[in-house]
Structures are given as structure tokens and as C-alpha cells.
Amino acid sequence: MKSILILYVLLFGLVANSQTKEEDFLQLENSYNYLQEADSLMIHLNEVSILPKHKFKSTIDLRYYMWFKRKVHRAYPYAVLAAKRLDSLNLRLEKIKSKRKKRRYIKTVQEYLEEELTSRLKKLTRTEGRILLKLIHRQTGRTAFNNIKSLRSGWKAFWYNTTANLFKLSLKSKYKPETENEDYLIEDVIQRSLINESLVYQEPKLNKPYRHIVSERKGTIDVSFYKKMFGRSRGRKKK
């Protein structure tokens, strides 16, 4: 399972780091504006987003949520990285006309990132791997399967997905926070973490009303799936 995630993320690497754009010197929404013809001061403040307070059934549910939050925080940066690398890779590939040179370039990038990221990606758990696949769809706008298919081939994507299925993962995983409870929990963690700036914002390619989706649940948290999962795990250990 871990090797499949490594192969996927490594597809989207770029040897040279892209330069960041310089920020505008004047940030009007963050600055103080003085009214020249009046004895008053106008202050423009950043918009403050407020989400409904969480509703936990018990302190145990709170602990499971905090456990899940750590999983999202571990997976999210890799999804952001994948989106950045995919954008950079596509820009480079547009400038390469030869199919052979394109394949060679993708292979070179993959080998470079394999050395850079393999040790870190191997530390992801199965839950973190499942979250990462969903977040890749959120950040890139396409499932891992479709991204591999477009860059390599449908045959490669098929075999990668077949191997992932052996570990109860799917490269075809889609992100549906409006209908899937786990995806909603992921989004709840992301939105609250973006507000307190514990995660770095990146514009998702998958266009959904994320803030509204989280607000609509009014803070309700359901972690029953994970409680059952750990309950089964403890039962097997006792045997």
C-alpha cells in the first residue's frame, strides 16, 4: 500500500523548485486608511470566519476526533505538494514536444522525488493513506487513478489500483464531504485549521462550497466508524 502512494506522489515532482510571486507592496485590506478630509480613522480588518461549536457525545468521541485530526494534518501537506507538482509538471510537459522525451522527463522527476520523499511517505498509516487519496482529488480536481492514467497510461493506473485494492484502498477515491461522513470530518478539520492557520491554504481544484458544507452540519461529529474499527482491532488482539 505504501509503495502505491509513493509511486503516485512521486509522479508529480519537479526537480527545480518554482519561484513564488512577489506579494504586492500595498495590502489594502490589511492596512490602515486615513480619511484626509475628516477627523476619523477607517480601519479595514480581515474577515473572521466562525464555524459552529463542535457537539461531542462524550469525551471519548472528542479523543477520536483529535486522533483523526492528526491524521488529516499528516496527509494534507502531501496532497498540497501533489497539486503543486502536478501543475508544474504539466507546464513543463507542454513545452516538450517529443513523447519519448516526456516519458524520460517524468522518469527523471520520479527518481529525484523517490530519494526525497520515500522515507516520509512510508510512515503513513492506512488511514492516512486513505485520507491522502481523497485529498488528492480535492486539491488536484482529479482522482489519483485519472491523474496516473493521463500521465502514464490506463494500464499503469489499472495495475496500481488493483494493488491498492489489496490493502482496501482505491486510487479512484472521490472526495464527497457533502455526503460521506469521513470526508465531512476531513473538511471540518481543514476548515477549522485554516482559520487558526495551523494548515497552509491552497486553492482546491475541486470546486465545492466547503465552508457551507461544514456549517450546515452545525458542529455534529460522528466518529462511530472509528470506534467500531478499534473495537474489532482490540478483539482480534485478545484472541
Protein backbone atom coordinates (compact mmCIF):
# COMPACT_ATOMS: atom_id res chain seq x y z
CA MET A 1 0.00 0.00 0.00
CA LYS A 2 2.69 2.46 0.99
CA SER A 3 4.63 1.83 -2.23
CA ILE A 4 1.50 2.65 -4.26
CA LEU A 5 1.13 6.02 -2.52
CA ILE A 6 4.82 6.68 -3.04
CA LEU A 7 4.57 5.88 -6.75
CA TYR A 8 1.60 8.20 -7.09
CA VAL A 9 3.01 11.21 -5.27
CA LEU A 10 6.38 10.78 -6.95
CA LEU A 11 4.75 11.14 -10.35
CA PHE A 12 4.12 14.79 -9.65
CA GLY A 13 7.57 16.05 -8.85
CA LEU A 14 9.61 18.82 -10.39
CA VAL A 15 13.37 18.93 -9.94
CA ALA A 16 13.60 22.71 -9.89
CA ASN A 17 11.51 24.48 -7.28
CA SER A 18 9.17 27.02 -8.82
CA GLN A 19 9.65 30.64 -7.82
CA THR A 20 6.94 32.28 -5.78
CA LYS A 21 5.42 35.53 -6.97
CA GLU A 22 6.27 38.65 -5.04
CA GLU A 23 3.46 39.99 -2.92
CA ASP A 24 2.05 43.40 -3.70
CA PHE A 25 3.73 46.13 -1.68
CA LEU A 26 0.42 47.58 -0.58
CA GLN A 27 -2.12 45.21 1.03
CA LEU A 28 -5.16 47.46 1.19
CA GLU A 29 -7.33 45.05 3.12
CA ASN A 30 -4.69 44.76 5.84
CA SER A 31 -3.69 48.39 6.04
CA TYR A 32 -4.90 51.49 7.86
CA ASN A 33 -6.59 54.04 5.63
CA TYR A 34 -6.78 57.62 6.82
CA LEU A 35 -9.58 59.88 5.69
CA GLN A 36 -7.88 63.10 4.63
CA GLU A 37 -10.94 65.35 4.95
CA ALA A 38 -12.37 64.11 8.23
CA ASP A 39 -11.35 63.65 11.84
CA SER A 40 -11.91 59.93 11.73
CA LEU A 41 -9.95 56.77 11.09
CA MET A 42 -11.14 53.90 8.91
CA ILE A 43 -9.65 50.52 9.75
CA HIS A 44 -10.05 47.59 7.35
CA LEU A 45 -9.93 44.28 9.17
CA ASN A 46 -9.60 40.78 7.77
CA GLU A 47 -12.82 38.80 7.59
CA VAL A 48 -13.21 36.46 10.56
CA SER A 49 -14.90 33.13 9.85
CA ILE A 50 -16.85 31.45 12.61
CA LEU A 51 -17.94 27.82 12.45
CA PRO A 52 -20.47 26.12 14.75
CA LYS A 53 -19.10 24.79 18.02
CA HIS A 54 -18.44 21.04 18.00
CA LYS A 55 -21.03 18.73 19.53
CA PHE A 56 -19.41 15.62 21.01
CA LYS A 57 -21.45 12.85 22.61
CA SER A 58 -18.64 12.06 25.05
CA THR A 59 -15.02 12.81 25.88
CA ILE A 60 -14.16 9.55 24.09
CA ASP A 61 -15.63 10.95 20.87
CA LEU A 62 -13.51 14.06 21.36
CA ARG A 63 -10.40 11.91 21.68
CA TYR A 64 -11.23 10.07 18.45
CA TYR A 65 -11.75 13.38 16.68
CA MET A 66 -8.37 14.66 17.87
CA TRP A 67 -6.79 11.39 16.69
CA PHE A 68 -8.42 11.86 13.28
CA LYS A 69 -7.32 15.49 13.17
CA ARG A 70 -3.69 14.41 13.48
CA LYS A 71 -4.20 12.03 10.55
CA VAL A 72 -5.54 14.85 8.35
CA HIS A 73 -2.67 17.13 9.35
CA ARG A 74 -0.18 14.47 8.29
CA ALA A 75 -1.83 13.77 4.91
CA TYR A 76 -2.82 17.31 3.83
CA PRO A 77 0.70 18.65 3.09
CA TYR A 78 1.34 15.74 0.71
CA ALA A 79 -1.89 16.49 -1.18
CA VAL A 80 -0.84 20.14 -1.45
CA LEU A 81 2.57 19.02 -2.71
CA ALA A 82 0.98 16.70 -5.27
CA ALA A 83 -1.17 19.54 -6.62
CA LYS A 84 1.82 21.87 -6.90
CA ARG A 85 3.97 19.24 -8.58
CA LEU A 86 1.19 18.30 -10.99
CA ASP A 87 0.74 21.93 -12.07
CA SER A 88 4.49 22.37 -12.53
CA LEU A 89 4.86 19.07 -14.33
CA ASN A 90 2.06 19.85 -16.78
CA LEU A 91 3.59 23.24 -17.55
CA ARG A 92 6.93 21.61 -18.31
CA LEU A 93 5.38 18.83 -20.38
CA GLU A 94 3.53 21.37 -22.53
CA LYS A 95 6.93 22.65 -23.69
CA ILE A 96 8.24 19.18 -24.56
CA LYS A 97 7.05 18.00 -27.96
CA SER A 98 8.61 14.54 -28.12
CA LYS A 99 6.68 11.74 -26.40
CA ARG A 100 9.92 9.92 -25.70
CA LYS A 101 11.40 12.99 -24.03
CA LYS A 102 8.23 13.44 -22.00
CA ARG A 103 8.47 9.88 -20.68
CA ARG A 104 12.14 10.38 -19.90
CA TYR A 105 11.40 13.62 -18.06
CA ILE A 106 8.67 12.03 -15.93
CA LYS A 107 11.02 9.16 -15.05
CA THR A 108 13.81 11.58 -14.07
CA VAL A 109 11.44 13.53 -11.83
CA GLN A 110 10.11 10.34 -10.24
CA GLU A 111 13.63 9.13 -9.41
CA TYR A 112 14.51 12.51 -7.88
CA LEU A 113 11.48 12.62 -5.62
CA GLU A 114 11.79 8.98 -4.69
CA GLU A 115 15.02 9.82 -2.92
CA GLU A 116 13.45 12.93 -1.35
CA LEU A 117 10.09 11.61 -0.13
CA THR A 118 10.08 7.82 0.15
CA SER A 119 11.19 7.65 3.77
CA ARG A 120 8.48 10.11 4.83
CA LEU A 121 5.64 8.54 2.82
CA LYS A 122 6.41 5.09 4.15
CA LYS A 123 5.47 6.31 7.62
CA LEU A 124 1.85 6.97 6.61
CA THR A 125 -0.73 4.60 8.10
CA ARG A 126 -3.54 3.04 6.09
CA THR A 127 -6.00 5.64 7.41
CA GLU A 128 -3.62 8.44 6.45
CA GLY A 129 -3.19 6.86 3.01
CA ARG A 130 -6.97 6.78 2.52
CA ILE A 131 -7.25 10.42 3.58
CA LEU A 132 -4.40 11.37 1.25
CA LEU A 133 -6.13 9.80 -1.77
CA LYS A 134 -9.30 11.75 -1.00
CA LEU A 135 -7.37 15.00 -0.52
CA ILE A 136 -5.55 14.47 -3.82
CA HIS A 137 -8.96 14.56 -5.51
CA ARG A 138 -9.81 17.72 -3.53
CA GLN A 139 -6.61 19.57 -4.37
CA THR A 140 -5.99 18.42 -7.97
CA GLY A 141 -9.60 18.10 -9.12
CA ARG A 142 -8.97 14.55 -10.36
CA THR A 143 -8.68 11.18 -8.68
CA ALA A 144 -5.28 9.57 -8.31
CA PHE A 145 -6.38 6.97 -10.87
CA ASN A 146 -7.21 9.59 -13.52
CA ASN A 147 -4.03 11.54 -12.85
CA ILE A 148 -1.90 8.44 -13.35
CA LYS A 149 -3.89 7.49 -16.43
CA SER A 150 -3.29 10.88 -18.05
CA LEU A 151 0.44 10.97 -17.24
CA ARG A 152 1.38 7.32 -17.74
CA SER A 153 -1.30 5.03 -19.16
CA GLY A 154 -4.61 3.38 -18.39
CA TRP A 155 -2.77 0.08 -17.96
CA LYS A 156 -0.46 1.52 -15.30
CA ALA A 157 -3.41 3.08 -13.49
CA PHE A 158 -5.30 -0.22 -13.57
CA TRP A 159 -2.46 -2.20 -12.01
CA TYR A 160 -1.69 0.45 -9.40
CA ASN A 161 -5.35 0.46 -8.40
CA THR A 162 -5.54 -3.35 -8.35
CA THR A 163 -2.60 -3.47 -5.94
CA ALA A 164 -4.12 -0.70 -3.80
CA ASN A 165 -7.36 -2.70 -3.55
CA LEU A 166 -5.47 -5.48 -1.81
CA PHE A 167 -4.92 -3.03 1.05
CA LYS A 168 -8.56 -1.84 1.00
CA LEU A 169 -7.60 1.40 -0.76
CA SER A 170 -8.76 2.76 -4.09
CA LEU A 171 -6.98 5.20 -6.39
CA LYS A 172 -10.45 6.05 -7.69
CA SER A 173 -11.44 7.52 -4.31
CA LYS A 174 -13.53 10.66 -4.70
CA TYR A 175 -13.93 13.45 -2.17
CA LYS A 176 -17.58 13.91 -1.16
CA PRO A 177 -17.77 15.92 2.09
CA GLU A 178 -21.42 16.75 1.43
CA THR A 179 -22.49 13.06 1.59
CA GLU A 180 -19.65 10.94 3.08
CA ASN A 181 -19.10 11.23 6.85
CA GLU A 182 -15.34 10.63 6.74
CA ASP A 183 -14.94 13.27 4.02
CA TYR A 184 -17.01 15.69 6.09
CA LEU A 185 -14.73 15.08 9.08
CA ILE A 186 -11.71 15.76 6.86
CA GLU A 187 -13.24 19.02 5.68
CA ASP A 188 -14.24 20.03 9.20
CA VAL A 189 -10.61 19.61 10.30
CA ILE A 190 -9.32 21.53 7.27
CA GLN A 191 -11.68 24.49 7.60
CA ARG A 192 -11.04 24.95 11.31
CA SER A 193 -7.29 24.51 10.83
CA LEU A 194 -7.24 27.12 8.07
CA ILE A 195 -8.99 29.58 10.38
CA ASN A 196 -6.40 29.13 13.12
CA GLU A 197 -3.64 28.90 10.48
CA SER A 198 -2.34 25.51 11.57
CA LEU A 199 -2.59 24.41 7.91
CA VAL A 200 -1.36 26.35 4.89
CA TYR A 201 -4.12 27.30 2.46
CA GLN A 202 -4.05 26.12 -1.13
CA GLU A 203 -6.94 26.73 -3.53
CA PRO A 204 -8.57 23.33 -4.17
CA LYS A 205 -9.17 22.39 -7.81
CA LEU A 206 -12.33 20.50 -6.84
CA ASN A 207 -14.91 23.26 -6.62
CA LYS A 208 -17.35 22.79 -3.74
CA PRO A 209 -18.90 25.14 -1.12
CA TYR A 210 -16.64 23.74 1.59
CA ARG A 211 -17.32 26.32 4.31
CA HIS A 212 -21.07 25.97 3.81
CA ILE A 213 -20.86 22.16 3.94
CA VAL A 214 -19.16 22.31 7.34
CA SER A 215 -21.51 25.00 8.70
CA GLU A 216 -24.58 23.05 7.60
CA ARG A 217 -23.79 20.15 9.96
CA LYS A 218 -23.89 22.58 12.92
CA GLY A 219 -20.87 21.05 14.61
CA THR A 220 -22.20 17.49 14.78
CA ILE A 221 -19.37 14.94 14.90
CA ASP A 222 -19.84 11.21 14.23
CA VAL A 223 -16.80 9.01 14.95
CA SER A 224 -18.71 5.74 15.41
CA PHE A 225 -16.90 4.11 12.46
CA TYR A 226 -13.50 4.52 14.13
CA LYS A 227 -14.79 3.33 17.50
CA LYS A 228 -16.03 0.13 15.83
CA MET A 229 -12.79 -0.21 13.89
CA PHE A 230 -10.66 -0.02 17.02
CA GLY A 231 -13.10 -2.27 18.86
CA ARG A 232 -12.63 -5.01 16.25
CA SER A 233 -8.87 -4.49 16.40
CA ARG A 234 -8.81 -4.95 20.18
CA GLY A 235 -10.97 -8.06 19.82
CA ARG A 236 -8.51 -9.66 17.43
CA LYS A 237 -5.59 -8.87 19.75
CA LYS A 238 -7.32 -10.55 22.71
CA LYS A 239 -7.74 -13.73 20.66
